[in-house]
Amino acid sequence: MQEMFTFTANVRRMAGVDEVGRGPLAGPVVAAAVILDPARPIKGLADSKKLSPAKREFLAEEIKLMSMAWAIGRAEVKEIDELNILQASLLAMQRAVAALRIAPDFCQVDGNKLPHLPCPAEAIVKGDATIPAISAASILAKVYRDSEMAAMDVEYPGYGFALHKGYPTEQHRHALRQLGACAIHRRSYAPVQAVLKME
């Protein structure tokens, strides 16, 4: 492990990678990749789940302005249902790295699994709380996905997507039972399957 960190210290373009949206019953899984600029540090980076929505929005703009490169990748509901959520998450991360306008020398990925990437990489459990570039990726992915789910609330009213972002809250489960599944619900998830069987 020490050798890996010695190596990363000499890397010029290290990308942090993270995803959000494994747990929801609806919507895509979204990943981000960020190459921070060492000459332009960003204060306040942290695990996106620990930040207020307003702080996340502020930091997302800072990250876009001050990082060397950033990109979003995603996997759609259909891909989640076909592949399973783990493989879809890895695919979203792979797409985020591929979309970077600067190719990274090395990637640090949140979690304990690595996607197939065109450069060396390491998986870091709870990296979103300890590695600034992964924190930045978690913030971008969260802000992007939350914004999309707010838009989905307009397109599919009644489910409360703007509030719970597709996560299985009691409000969401109740709406799912009352209204049935919509186009962005994940058919492979048990609570959605249970509703589909009742239709």
N, C-alpha and C. Protein backbone atom coordinates (compact mmCIF):
# COMPACT_ATOMS: atom_id res chain seq x y z
N MET A 1 0.84 -1.20 0.00
CA MET A 1 0.00 0.00 0.00
C MET A 1 0.87 1.25 0.00
N GLN A 2 1.95 1.23 0.76
CA GLN A 2 2.84 2.39 0.81
C GLN A 2 3.43 2.68 -0.57
N GLU A 3 3.76 1.64 -1.31
CA GLU A 3 4.32 1.84 -2.66
C GLU A 3 3.31 2.56 -3.56
N MET A 4 2.04 2.18 -3.44
CA MET A 4 1.01 2.79 -4.26
C MET A 4 0.92 4.29 -3.98
N PHE A 5 0.94 4.68 -2.69
CA PHE A 5 0.84 6.09 -2.34
C PHE A 5 2.08 6.86 -2.75
N THR A 6 3.27 6.21 -2.69
CA THR A 6 4.49 6.84 -3.17
C THR A 6 4.36 7.13 -4.66
N PHE A 7 3.78 6.18 -5.37
CA PHE A 7 3.58 6.34 -6.81
C PHE A 7 2.63 7.49 -7.10
N THR A 8 1.49 7.52 -6.39
CA THR A 8 0.49 8.56 -6.68
C THR A 8 1.00 9.95 -6.37
N ALA A 9 1.92 10.06 -5.42
CA ALA A 9 2.46 11.38 -5.06
C ALA A 9 3.20 12.01 -6.24
N ASN A 10 3.70 11.17 -7.16
CA ASN A 10 4.46 11.68 -8.30
C ASN A 10 3.61 11.82 -9.57
N VAL A 11 2.33 11.52 -9.45
CA VAL A 11 1.45 11.58 -10.62
C VAL A 11 1.02 13.03 -10.86
N ARG A 12 1.07 13.45 -12.12
CA ARG A 12 0.70 14.83 -12.43
C ARG A 12 -0.81 15.00 -12.58
N ARG A 13 -1.46 13.97 -13.11
CA ARG A 13 -2.90 14.09 -13.36
C ARG A 13 -3.64 12.92 -12.70
N MET A 14 -4.02 13.12 -11.44
CA MET A 14 -4.74 12.08 -10.71
C MET A 14 -6.23 12.42 -10.69
N ALA A 15 -7.05 11.49 -11.14
CA ALA A 15 -8.50 11.71 -11.15
C ALA A 15 -9.15 10.99 -9.97
N GLY A 16 -10.01 11.71 -9.28
CA GLY A 16 -10.87 11.09 -8.28
C GLY A 16 -12.18 10.71 -8.94
N VAL A 17 -12.72 9.55 -8.57
CA VAL A 17 -13.93 9.02 -9.22
C VAL A 17 -14.91 8.53 -8.16
N ASP A 18 -16.18 8.90 -8.31
CA ASP A 18 -17.21 8.42 -7.39
C ASP A 18 -18.54 8.40 -8.10
N GLU A 19 -19.49 7.64 -7.53
CA GLU A 19 -20.83 7.57 -8.11
C GLU A 19 -21.88 7.79 -7.03
N VAL A 20 -23.07 8.17 -7.46
CA VAL A 20 -24.22 8.28 -6.56
C VAL A 20 -25.41 7.61 -7.22
N GLY A 21 -26.30 7.12 -6.37
CA GLY A 21 -27.56 6.59 -6.91
C GLY A 21 -27.64 5.08 -6.99
N ARG A 22 -26.93 4.36 -6.14
CA ARG A 22 -27.09 2.91 -6.12
C ARG A 22 -28.39 2.49 -5.45
N GLY A 23 -28.75 3.20 -4.39
CA GLY A 23 -29.89 2.79 -3.57
C GLY A 23 -31.28 3.15 -4.06
N PRO A 24 -31.45 4.20 -4.87
CA PRO A 24 -32.79 4.60 -5.28
C PRO A 24 -33.55 3.53 -6.07
N LEU A 25 -34.86 3.66 -6.03
CA LEU A 25 -35.73 2.77 -6.81
C LEU A 25 -35.97 3.31 -8.21
N ALA A 26 -35.50 4.53 -8.47
CA ALA A 26 -35.77 5.18 -9.75
C ALA A 26 -34.60 6.06 -10.17
N GLY A 27 -34.50 6.29 -11.47
CA GLY A 27 -33.49 7.19 -12.01
C GLY A 27 -32.16 6.51 -12.30
N PRO A 28 -31.28 7.23 -12.97
CA PRO A 28 -29.98 6.68 -13.36
C PRO A 28 -29.01 6.60 -12.20
N VAL A 29 -27.92 5.87 -12.38
CA VAL A 29 -26.77 5.98 -11.48
C VAL A 29 -25.80 6.91 -12.18
N VAL A 30 -25.26 7.88 -11.43
CA VAL A 30 -24.44 8.94 -12.01
C VAL A 30 -23.05 8.93 -11.36
N ALA A 31 -22.03 9.05 -12.17
CA ALA A 31 -20.65 9.11 -11.67
C ALA A 31 -20.00 10.40 -12.15
N ALA A 32 -18.97 10.81 -11.43
CA ALA A 32 -18.16 11.95 -11.86
C ALA A 32 -16.69 11.59 -11.71
N ALA A 33 -15.87 12.21 -12.54
CA ALA A 33 -14.41 12.10 -12.44
C ALA A 33 -13.86 13.53 -12.41
N VAL A 34 -12.92 13.78 -11.50
CA VAL A 34 -12.37 15.13 -11.34
C VAL A 34 -10.85 15.06 -11.21
N ILE A 35 -10.17 15.90 -11.99
CA ILE A 35 -8.72 16.10 -11.81
C ILE A 35 -8.55 17.48 -11.20
N LEU A 36 -8.22 17.52 -9.92
CA LEU A 36 -8.02 18.81 -9.25
C LEU A 36 -6.71 19.45 -9.69
N ASP A 37 -6.67 20.76 -9.62
CA ASP A 37 -5.45 21.53 -9.93
C ASP A 37 -4.72 21.79 -8.62
N PRO A 38 -3.53 21.22 -8.41
CA PRO A 38 -2.79 21.44 -7.15
C PRO A 38 -2.52 22.91 -6.87
N ALA A 39 -2.46 23.71 -7.92
CA ALA A 39 -2.17 25.14 -7.76
C ALA A 39 -3.42 25.93 -7.35
N ARG A 40 -4.59 25.29 -7.43
CA ARG A 40 -5.83 26.00 -7.09
C ARG A 40 -6.67 25.14 -6.14
N PRO A 41 -6.23 24.99 -4.89
CA PRO A 41 -6.97 24.15 -3.95
C PRO A 41 -8.36 24.70 -3.66
N ILE A 42 -9.29 23.79 -3.41
CA ILE A 42 -10.69 24.17 -3.12
C ILE A 42 -10.98 23.85 -1.66
N LYS A 43 -11.37 24.86 -0.90
CA LYS A 43 -11.65 24.66 0.52
C LYS A 43 -13.03 24.05 0.71
N GLY A 44 -13.13 23.17 1.71
CA GLY A 44 -14.45 22.66 2.11
C GLY A 44 -14.87 21.36 1.46
N LEU A 45 -14.00 20.74 0.67
CA LEU A 45 -14.37 19.48 0.03
C LEU A 45 -14.58 18.40 1.10
N ALA A 46 -15.65 17.63 0.94
CA ALA A 46 -15.98 16.57 1.90
C ALA A 46 -16.94 15.61 1.22
N ASP A 47 -17.22 14.51 1.88
CA ASP A 47 -18.22 13.56 1.40
C ASP A 47 -19.51 14.33 1.13
N SER A 48 -20.07 14.20 -0.08
CA SER A 48 -21.25 14.99 -0.46
C SER A 48 -22.43 14.76 0.49
N LYS A 49 -22.52 13.56 1.08
CA LYS A 49 -23.63 13.25 1.98
C LYS A 49 -23.57 14.06 3.27
N LYS A 50 -22.38 14.59 3.60
CA LYS A 50 -22.21 15.34 4.84
C LYS A 50 -22.43 16.85 4.64
N LEU A 51 -22.68 17.26 3.41
CA LEU A 51 -22.83 18.68 3.10
C LEU A 51 -24.28 19.05 2.86
N SER A 52 -24.64 20.30 3.17
CA SER A 52 -26.00 20.77 2.89
C SER A 52 -26.16 20.93 1.37
N PRO A 53 -27.40 20.89 0.87
CA PRO A 53 -27.61 21.11 -0.58
C PRO A 53 -26.99 22.42 -1.06
N ALA A 54 -27.13 23.49 -0.28
CA ALA A 54 -26.57 24.79 -0.70
C ALA A 54 -25.05 24.74 -0.79
N LYS A 55 -24.41 24.09 0.18
CA LYS A 55 -22.95 23.96 0.17
C LYS A 55 -22.49 23.11 -1.01
N ARG A 56 -23.24 22.03 -1.30
CA ARG A 56 -22.90 21.18 -2.46
C ARG A 56 -22.97 21.98 -3.75
N GLU A 57 -24.03 22.77 -3.90
CA GLU A 57 -24.21 23.58 -5.12
C GLU A 57 -23.05 24.56 -5.27
N PHE A 58 -22.67 25.21 -4.18
CA PHE A 58 -21.57 26.18 -4.21
C PHE A 58 -20.27 25.48 -4.61
N LEU A 59 -19.98 24.35 -3.95
CA LEU A 59 -18.73 23.64 -4.23
C LEU A 59 -18.71 23.07 -5.64
N ALA A 60 -19.85 22.63 -6.14
CA ALA A 60 -19.91 22.08 -7.51
C ALA A 60 -19.45 23.13 -8.52
N GLU A 61 -19.88 24.38 -8.32
CA GLU A 61 -19.46 25.46 -9.22
C GLU A 61 -17.97 25.74 -9.08
N GLU A 62 -17.46 25.70 -7.84
CA GLU A 62 -16.03 25.90 -7.60
C GLU A 62 -15.21 24.80 -8.30
N ILE A 63 -15.69 23.58 -8.19
CA ILE A 63 -14.98 22.44 -8.79
C ILE A 63 -14.93 22.60 -10.32
N LYS A 64 -16.04 22.98 -10.90
CA LYS A 64 -16.08 23.15 -12.36
C LYS A 64 -15.14 24.27 -12.81
N LEU A 65 -15.06 25.33 -12.02
CA LEU A 65 -14.21 26.47 -12.38
C LEU A 65 -12.73 26.22 -12.15
N MET A 66 -12.38 25.52 -11.07
CA MET A 66 -10.99 25.48 -10.61
C MET A 66 -10.26 24.17 -10.86
N SER A 67 -10.98 23.13 -11.24
CA SER A 67 -10.29 21.86 -11.49
C SER A 67 -9.65 21.88 -12.88
N MET A 68 -8.68 20.99 -13.09
CA MET A 68 -8.04 20.86 -14.40
C MET A 68 -9.00 20.25 -15.41
N ALA A 69 -9.82 19.30 -14.92
CA ALA A 69 -10.81 18.66 -15.80
C ALA A 69 -11.87 17.98 -14.93
N TRP A 70 -13.09 17.89 -15.46
CA TRP A 70 -14.16 17.15 -14.78
C TRP A 70 -15.11 16.60 -15.83
N ALA A 71 -15.78 15.54 -15.48
CA ALA A 71 -16.74 14.94 -16.42
C ALA A 71 -17.76 14.12 -15.65
N ILE A 72 -18.92 13.97 -16.27
CA ILE A 72 -20.02 13.16 -15.73
C ILE A 72 -20.21 11.93 -16.61
N GLY A 73 -20.47 10.80 -15.98
CA GLY A 73 -20.85 9.58 -16.70
C GLY A 73 -22.10 9.03 -16.04
N ARG A 74 -22.84 8.22 -16.76
CA ARG A 74 -24.10 7.71 -16.20
C ARG A 74 -24.44 6.36 -16.79
N ALA A 75 -25.28 5.64 -16.09
CA ALA A 75 -25.88 4.42 -16.63
C ALA A 75 -27.39 4.55 -16.43
N GLU A 76 -28.13 4.25 -17.46
CA GLU A 76 -29.57 4.46 -17.43
C GLU A 76 -30.29 3.32 -16.71
N VAL A 77 -31.57 3.57 -16.43
CA VAL A 77 -32.40 2.58 -15.72
C VAL A 77 -32.39 1.23 -16.44
N LYS A 78 -32.51 1.27 -17.76
CA LYS A 78 -32.52 0.03 -18.55
C LYS A 78 -31.22 -0.75 -18.35
N GLU A 79 -30.09 -0.03 -18.30
CA GLU A 79 -28.79 -0.69 -18.10
C GLU A 79 -28.69 -1.25 -16.68
N ILE A 80 -29.21 -0.52 -15.71
CA ILE A 80 -29.22 -1.02 -14.32
C ILE A 80 -29.99 -2.33 -14.24
N ASP A 81 -31.15 -2.37 -14.89
CA ASP A 81 -31.99 -3.58 -14.86
C ASP A 81 -31.34 -4.74 -15.61
N GLU A 82 -30.63 -4.43 -16.68
CA GLU A 82 -30.02 -5.49 -17.49
C GLU A 82 -28.71 -6.01 -16.89
N LEU A 83 -27.91 -5.11 -16.33
CA LEU A 83 -26.57 -5.48 -15.88
C LEU A 83 -26.50 -5.85 -14.40
N ASN A 84 -27.26 -5.19 -13.56
CA ASN A 84 -27.31 -5.13 -12.10
C ASN A 84 -26.65 -3.83 -11.68
N ILE A 85 -26.94 -3.37 -10.47
CA ILE A 85 -26.54 -2.02 -10.07
C ILE A 85 -25.02 -1.89 -9.91
N LEU A 86 -24.35 -2.94 -9.46
CA LEU A 86 -22.89 -2.85 -9.33
C LEU A 86 -22.24 -2.63 -10.68
N GLN A 87 -22.59 -3.46 -11.66
CA GLN A 87 -21.98 -3.33 -12.99
C GLN A 87 -22.35 -2.01 -13.65
N ALA A 88 -23.59 -1.55 -13.42
CA ALA A 88 -24.01 -0.26 -13.98
C ALA A 88 -23.24 0.89 -13.35
N SER A 89 -22.96 0.78 -12.05
CA SER A 89 -22.17 1.81 -11.36
C SER A 89 -20.75 1.87 -11.92
N LEU A 90 -20.16 0.70 -12.12
CA LEU A 90 -18.80 0.65 -12.68
C LEU A 90 -18.78 1.21 -14.10
N LEU A 91 -19.84 0.93 -14.87
CA LEU A 91 -19.95 1.45 -16.23
C LEU A 91 -20.05 2.98 -16.22
N ALA A 92 -20.84 3.52 -15.30
CA ALA A 92 -20.97 4.98 -15.18
C ALA A 92 -19.62 5.62 -14.86
N MET A 93 -18.86 4.99 -13.95
CA MET A 93 -17.53 5.52 -13.59
C MET A 93 -16.57 5.44 -14.78
N GLN A 94 -16.64 4.34 -15.49
CA GLN A 94 -15.80 4.18 -16.69
C GLN A 94 -16.11 5.29 -17.71
N ARG A 95 -17.39 5.58 -17.89
CA ARG A 95 -17.80 6.62 -18.84
C ARG A 95 -17.35 8.00 -18.38
N ALA A 96 -17.39 8.25 -17.08
CA ALA A 96 -16.95 9.55 -16.56
C ALA A 96 -15.47 9.77 -16.84
N VAL A 97 -14.65 8.77 -16.58
CA VAL A 97 -13.20 8.88 -16.83
C VAL A 97 -12.94 9.06 -18.32
N ALA A 98 -13.66 8.31 -19.15
CA ALA A 98 -13.47 8.40 -20.60
C ALA A 98 -13.84 9.78 -21.13
N ALA A 99 -14.75 10.46 -20.44
CA ALA A 99 -15.22 11.78 -20.91
C ALA A 99 -14.33 12.94 -20.48
N LEU A 100 -13.33 12.68 -19.62
CA LEU A 100 -12.41 13.75 -19.21
C LEU A 100 -11.67 14.32 -20.41
N ARG A 101 -11.56 15.64 -20.48
CA ARG A 101 -10.86 16.26 -21.63
C ARG A 101 -9.35 16.11 -21.50
N ILE A 102 -8.87 15.80 -20.30
CA ILE A 102 -7.45 15.49 -20.07
C ILE A 102 -7.38 14.04 -19.58
N ALA A 103 -6.58 13.22 -20.23
CA ALA A 103 -6.48 11.82 -19.80
C ALA A 103 -5.70 11.75 -18.48
N PRO A 104 -6.24 11.07 -17.47
CA PRO A 104 -5.51 10.97 -16.20
C PRO A 104 -4.37 9.96 -16.27
N ASP A 105 -3.35 10.17 -15.44
CA ASP A 105 -2.26 9.20 -15.30
C ASP A 105 -2.66 8.07 -14.35
N PHE A 106 -3.58 8.41 -13.44
CA PHE A 106 -3.92 7.49 -12.35
C PHE A 106 -5.30 7.86 -11.82
N CYS A 107 -6.06 6.88 -11.36
CA CYS A 107 -7.38 7.15 -10.79
C CYS A 107 -7.49 6.58 -9.38
N GLN A 108 -8.13 7.33 -8.52
CA GLN A 108 -8.50 6.84 -7.19
C GLN A 108 -10.03 6.79 -7.16
N VAL A 109 -10.55 5.61 -6.90
CA VAL A 109 -11.99 5.35 -7.03
C VAL A 109 -12.58 5.03 -5.66
N ASP A 110 -13.70 5.67 -5.35
CA ASP A 110 -14.35 5.40 -4.07
C ASP A 110 -14.93 3.98 -4.06
N GLY A 111 -14.77 3.28 -2.94
CA GLY A 111 -15.35 1.94 -2.80
C GLY A 111 -14.30 0.85 -2.79
N ASN A 112 -14.75 -0.37 -3.06
CA ASN A 112 -13.83 -1.52 -3.03
C ASN A 112 -13.77 -2.27 -4.36
N LYS A 113 -14.36 -1.68 -5.42
CA LYS A 113 -14.33 -2.30 -6.74
C LYS A 113 -13.84 -1.28 -7.76
N LEU A 114 -13.11 -1.76 -8.76
CA LEU A 114 -12.60 -0.87 -9.80
C LEU A 114 -13.28 -1.14 -11.14
N PRO A 115 -13.67 -0.09 -11.85
CA PRO A 115 -14.11 -0.28 -13.24
C PRO A 115 -12.90 -0.53 -14.13
N HIS A 116 -13.15 -0.97 -15.36
CA HIS A 116 -12.06 -1.11 -16.33
C HIS A 116 -11.67 0.30 -16.79
N LEU A 117 -10.43 0.66 -16.54
CA LEU A 117 -9.97 2.01 -16.85
C LEU A 117 -8.70 1.97 -17.71
N PRO A 118 -8.43 3.04 -18.48
CA PRO A 118 -7.26 3.04 -19.37
C PRO A 118 -5.96 3.43 -18.67
N CYS A 119 -5.97 3.49 -17.33
CA CYS A 119 -4.77 3.86 -16.59
C CYS A 119 -4.75 3.11 -15.27
N PRO A 120 -3.62 3.08 -14.56
CA PRO A 120 -3.60 2.43 -13.25
C PRO A 120 -4.60 3.09 -12.30
N ALA A 121 -5.10 2.31 -11.34
CA ALA A 121 -6.10 2.84 -10.42
C ALA A 121 -6.06 2.06 -9.11
N GLU A 122 -6.61 2.68 -8.07
CA GLU A 122 -6.81 1.98 -6.81
C GLU A 122 -8.19 2.31 -6.26
N ALA A 123 -8.79 1.34 -5.59
CA ALA A 123 -10.08 1.53 -4.93
C ALA A 123 -9.82 1.89 -3.47
N ILE A 124 -10.54 2.89 -2.98
CA ILE A 124 -10.35 3.36 -1.60
C ILE A 124 -11.70 3.41 -0.90
N VAL A 125 -11.89 2.55 0.09
CA VAL A 125 -13.13 2.54 0.86
C VAL A 125 -13.24 3.85 1.65
N LYS A 126 -14.40 4.48 1.57
CA LYS A 126 -14.64 5.79 2.20
C LYS A 126 -13.70 6.87 1.67
N GLY A 127 -13.27 6.70 0.42
CA GLY A 127 -12.39 7.70 -0.20
C GLY A 127 -13.05 9.05 -0.34
N ASP A 128 -14.40 9.07 -0.42
CA ASP A 128 -15.09 10.36 -0.57
C ASP A 128 -14.93 11.23 0.67
N ALA A 129 -14.55 10.63 1.79
CA ALA A 129 -14.34 11.40 3.02
C ALA A 129 -12.88 11.75 3.27
N THR A 130 -11.95 11.14 2.51
CA THR A 130 -10.53 11.30 2.81
C THR A 130 -9.68 11.81 1.65
N ILE A 131 -10.13 11.65 0.42
CA ILE A 131 -9.36 12.04 -0.76
C ILE A 131 -10.06 13.21 -1.44
N PRO A 132 -9.45 14.40 -1.46
CA PRO A 132 -10.15 15.58 -2.00
C PRO A 132 -10.73 15.40 -3.40
N ALA A 133 -9.99 14.75 -4.30
CA ALA A 133 -10.50 14.58 -5.67
C ALA A 133 -11.73 13.67 -5.70
N ILE A 134 -11.76 12.66 -4.83
CA ILE A 134 -12.95 11.80 -4.76
C ILE A 134 -14.11 12.56 -4.13
N SER A 135 -13.83 13.37 -3.11
CA SER A 135 -14.87 14.23 -2.53
C SER A 135 -15.48 15.12 -3.61
N ALA A 136 -14.61 15.72 -4.42
CA ALA A 136 -15.08 16.59 -5.50
C ALA A 136 -15.97 15.83 -6.47
N ALA A 137 -15.56 14.61 -6.80
CA ALA A 137 -16.36 13.78 -7.72
C ALA A 137 -17.72 13.45 -7.10
N SER A 138 -17.73 13.15 -5.81
CA SER A 138 -18.99 12.80 -5.14
C SER A 138 -19.94 14.00 -5.14
N ILE A 139 -19.39 15.20 -4.96
CA ILE A 139 -20.21 16.41 -4.96
C ILE A 139 -20.81 16.67 -6.34
N LEU A 140 -19.98 16.59 -7.38
CA LEU A 140 -20.48 16.83 -8.74
C LEU A 140 -21.56 15.82 -9.11
N ALA A 141 -21.31 14.55 -8.81
CA ALA A 141 -22.27 13.50 -9.17
C ALA A 141 -23.59 13.70 -8.43
N LYS A 142 -23.52 14.04 -7.15
CA LYS A 142 -24.72 14.25 -6.34
C LYS A 142 -25.54 15.43 -6.83
N VAL A 143 -24.88 16.56 -7.09
CA VAL A 143 -25.58 17.75 -7.57
C VAL A 143 -26.23 17.48 -8.92
N TYR A 144 -25.50 16.82 -9.80
CA TYR A 144 -26.03 16.50 -11.14
C TYR A 144 -27.26 15.60 -11.04
N ARG A 145 -27.15 14.53 -10.24
CA ARG A 145 -28.27 13.59 -10.15
C ARG A 145 -29.48 14.20 -9.45
N ASP A 146 -29.23 14.96 -8.38
CA ASP A 146 -30.34 15.61 -7.68
C ASP A 146 -31.10 16.56 -8.61
N SER A 147 -30.37 17.30 -9.44
CA SER A 147 -30.99 18.21 -10.39
C SER A 147 -31.84 17.44 -11.40
N GLU A 148 -31.32 16.32 -11.86
CA GLU A 148 -32.09 15.51 -12.82
C GLU A 148 -33.36 14.96 -12.19
N MET A 149 -33.26 14.51 -10.93
CA MET A 149 -34.45 13.95 -10.27
C MET A 149 -35.50 15.04 -10.00
N ALA A 150 -35.05 16.27 -9.77
CA ALA A 150 -36.00 17.39 -9.63
C ALA A 150 -36.74 17.62 -10.95
N ALA A 151 -36.02 17.48 -12.06
CA ALA A 151 -36.66 17.61 -13.37
C ALA A 151 -37.63 16.46 -13.62
N MET A 152 -37.28 15.26 -13.15
CA MET A 152 -38.16 14.11 -13.30
C MET A 152 -39.45 14.26 -12.49
N ASP A 153 -39.38 15.05 -11.42
CA ASP A 153 -40.57 15.32 -10.61
C ASP A 153 -41.63 16.05 -11.42
N VAL A 154 -41.17 16.92 -12.33
CA VAL A 154 -42.09 17.66 -13.20
C VAL A 154 -42.66 16.72 -14.26
N GLU A 155 -41.81 15.85 -14.78
CA GLU A 155 -42.24 14.93 -15.84
C GLU A 155 -43.13 13.81 -15.32
N TYR A 156 -42.86 13.36 -14.10
CA TYR A 156 -43.64 12.28 -13.49
C TYR A 156 -44.16 12.76 -12.12
N PRO A 157 -45.19 13.62 -12.13
CA PRO A 157 -45.67 14.19 -10.87
C PRO A 157 -46.33 13.14 -9.97
N GLY A 158 -46.31 13.44 -8.68
CA GLY A 158 -47.00 12.58 -7.72
C GLY A 158 -46.10 11.66 -6.93
N TYR A 159 -44.90 11.39 -7.45
CA TYR A 159 -43.99 10.47 -6.76
C TYR A 159 -43.11 11.17 -5.72
N GLY A 160 -42.92 12.48 -5.88
CA GLY A 160 -42.08 13.21 -4.94
C GLY A 160 -40.59 13.13 -5.25
N PHE A 161 -40.24 12.92 -6.52
CA PHE A 161 -38.82 12.74 -6.88
C PHE A 161 -37.94 13.92 -6.46
N ALA A 162 -38.49 15.14 -6.50
CA ALA A 162 -37.69 16.31 -6.12
C ALA A 162 -37.28 16.25 -4.66
N LEU A 163 -38.11 15.61 -3.85
CA LEU A 163 -37.85 15.54 -2.41
C LEU A 163 -36.92 14.39 -2.04
N HIS A 164 -37.24 13.18 -2.46
CA HIS A 164 -36.47 12.00 -2.03
C HIS A 164 -35.47 11.50 -3.07
N LYS A 165 -35.49 12.08 -4.27
CA LYS A 165 -34.53 11.76 -5.34
C LYS A 165 -34.58 10.28 -5.77
N GLY A 166 -35.72 9.64 -5.53
CA GLY A 166 -35.87 8.24 -5.95
C GLY A 166 -35.54 7.22 -4.88
N TYR A 167 -35.01 7.67 -3.75
CA TYR A 167 -34.68 6.73 -2.66
C TYR A 167 -35.97 6.16 -2.06
N PRO A 168 -35.89 4.97 -1.46
CA PRO A 168 -37.10 4.26 -1.00
C PRO A 168 -37.65 4.78 0.34
N THR A 169 -38.00 6.06 0.38
CA THR A 169 -38.65 6.61 1.57
C THR A 169 -40.08 6.07 1.66
N GLU A 170 -40.71 6.28 2.80
CA GLU A 170 -42.10 5.83 2.95
C GLU A 170 -43.01 6.57 1.98
N GLN A 171 -42.74 7.86 1.79
CA GLN A 171 -43.53 8.64 0.83
C GLN A 171 -43.42 8.04 -0.58
N HIS A 172 -42.21 7.68 -0.96
CA HIS A 172 -42.00 7.12 -2.31
C HIS A 172 -42.68 5.76 -2.43
N ARG A 173 -42.53 4.92 -1.44
CA ARG A 173 -43.16 3.59 -1.48
C ARG A 173 -44.68 3.71 -1.56
N HIS A 174 -45.23 4.66 -0.80
CA HIS A 174 -46.69 4.87 -0.82
C HIS A 174 -47.14 5.32 -2.22
N ALA A 175 -46.42 6.30 -2.80
CA ALA A 175 -46.76 6.78 -4.14
C ALA A 175 -46.63 5.66 -5.17
N LEU A 176 -45.62 4.83 -5.00
CA LEU A 176 -45.41 3.70 -5.91
C LEU A 176 -46.61 2.74 -5.87
N ARG A 177 -47.09 2.47 -4.66
CA ARG A 177 -48.26 1.58 -4.51
C ARG A 177 -49.53 2.22 -5.08
N GLN A 178 -49.66 3.54 -4.91
CA GLN A 178 -50.86 4.24 -5.37
C GLN A 178 -50.87 4.46 -6.88
N LEU A 179 -49.73 4.83 -7.43
CA LEU A 179 -49.65 5.23 -8.84
C LEU A 179 -49.11 4.15 -9.76
N GLY A 180 -48.47 3.13 -9.19
CA GLY A 180 -47.78 2.15 -10.00
C GLY A 180 -46.41 2.65 -10.43
N ALA A 181 -45.66 1.83 -11.14
CA ALA A 181 -44.31 2.20 -11.57
C ALA A 181 -44.37 3.10 -12.80
N CYS A 182 -43.46 4.07 -12.88
CA CYS A 182 -43.35 4.92 -14.07
C CYS A 182 -42.12 4.50 -14.88
N ALA A 183 -41.86 5.23 -15.95
CA ALA A 183 -40.80 4.83 -16.89
C ALA A 183 -39.40 4.83 -16.28
N ILE A 184 -39.18 5.62 -15.22
CA ILE A 184 -37.82 5.69 -14.66
C ILE A 184 -37.64 4.81 -13.41
N HIS A 185 -38.62 3.98 -13.10
CA HIS A 185 -38.45 3.05 -11.98
C HIS A 185 -37.61 1.84 -12.41
N ARG A 186 -36.79 1.36 -11.50
CA ARG A 186 -35.90 0.22 -11.77
C ARG A 186 -36.67 -1.08 -11.55
N ARG A 187 -36.97 -1.74 -12.64
CA ARG A 187 -37.80 -2.96 -12.60
C ARG A 187 -37.13 -4.11 -11.85
N SER A 188 -35.82 -4.08 -11.72
CA SER A 188 -35.10 -5.18 -11.07
C SER A 188 -35.08 -5.05 -9.55
N TYR A 189 -35.56 -3.93 -9.01
CA TYR A 189 -35.56 -3.71 -7.56
C TYR A 189 -36.84 -4.29 -6.95
N ALA A 190 -36.69 -4.98 -5.82
CA ALA A 190 -37.80 -5.73 -5.22
C ALA A 190 -39.06 -4.90 -4.96
N PRO A 191 -38.98 -3.69 -4.38
CA PRO A 191 -40.23 -2.94 -4.15
C PRO A 191 -40.97 -2.60 -5.43
N VAL A 192 -40.22 -2.37 -6.51
CA VAL A 192 -40.87 -2.07 -7.82
C VAL A 192 -41.46 -3.36 -8.39
N GLN A 193 -40.73 -4.46 -8.29
CA GLN A 193 -41.24 -5.76 -8.75
C GLN A 193 -42.56 -6.10 -8.04
N ALA A 194 -42.61 -5.84 -6.75
CA ALA A 194 -43.82 -6.18 -5.96
C ALA A 194 -45.03 -5.40 -6.48
N VAL A 195 -44.82 -4.13 -6.85
CA VAL A 195 -45.90 -3.31 -7.38
C VAL A 195 -46.31 -3.78 -8.77
N LEU A 196 -45.33 -4.14 -9.58
CA LEU A 196 -45.62 -4.61 -10.94
C LEU A 196 -46.45 -5.89 -10.93
N LYS A 197 -46.19 -6.73 -9.94
CA LYS A 197 -46.96 -7.99 -9.84
C LYS A 197 -48.41 -7.73 -9.47
N MET A 198 -48.67 -6.61 -8.80
CA MET A 198 -50.04 -6.27 -8.40
C MET A 198 -50.83 -5.63 -9.53
N GLU A 199 -50.14 -5.13 -10.55
CA GLU A 199 -50.85 -4.41 -11.63
C GLU A 199 -51.60 -5.37 -12.55
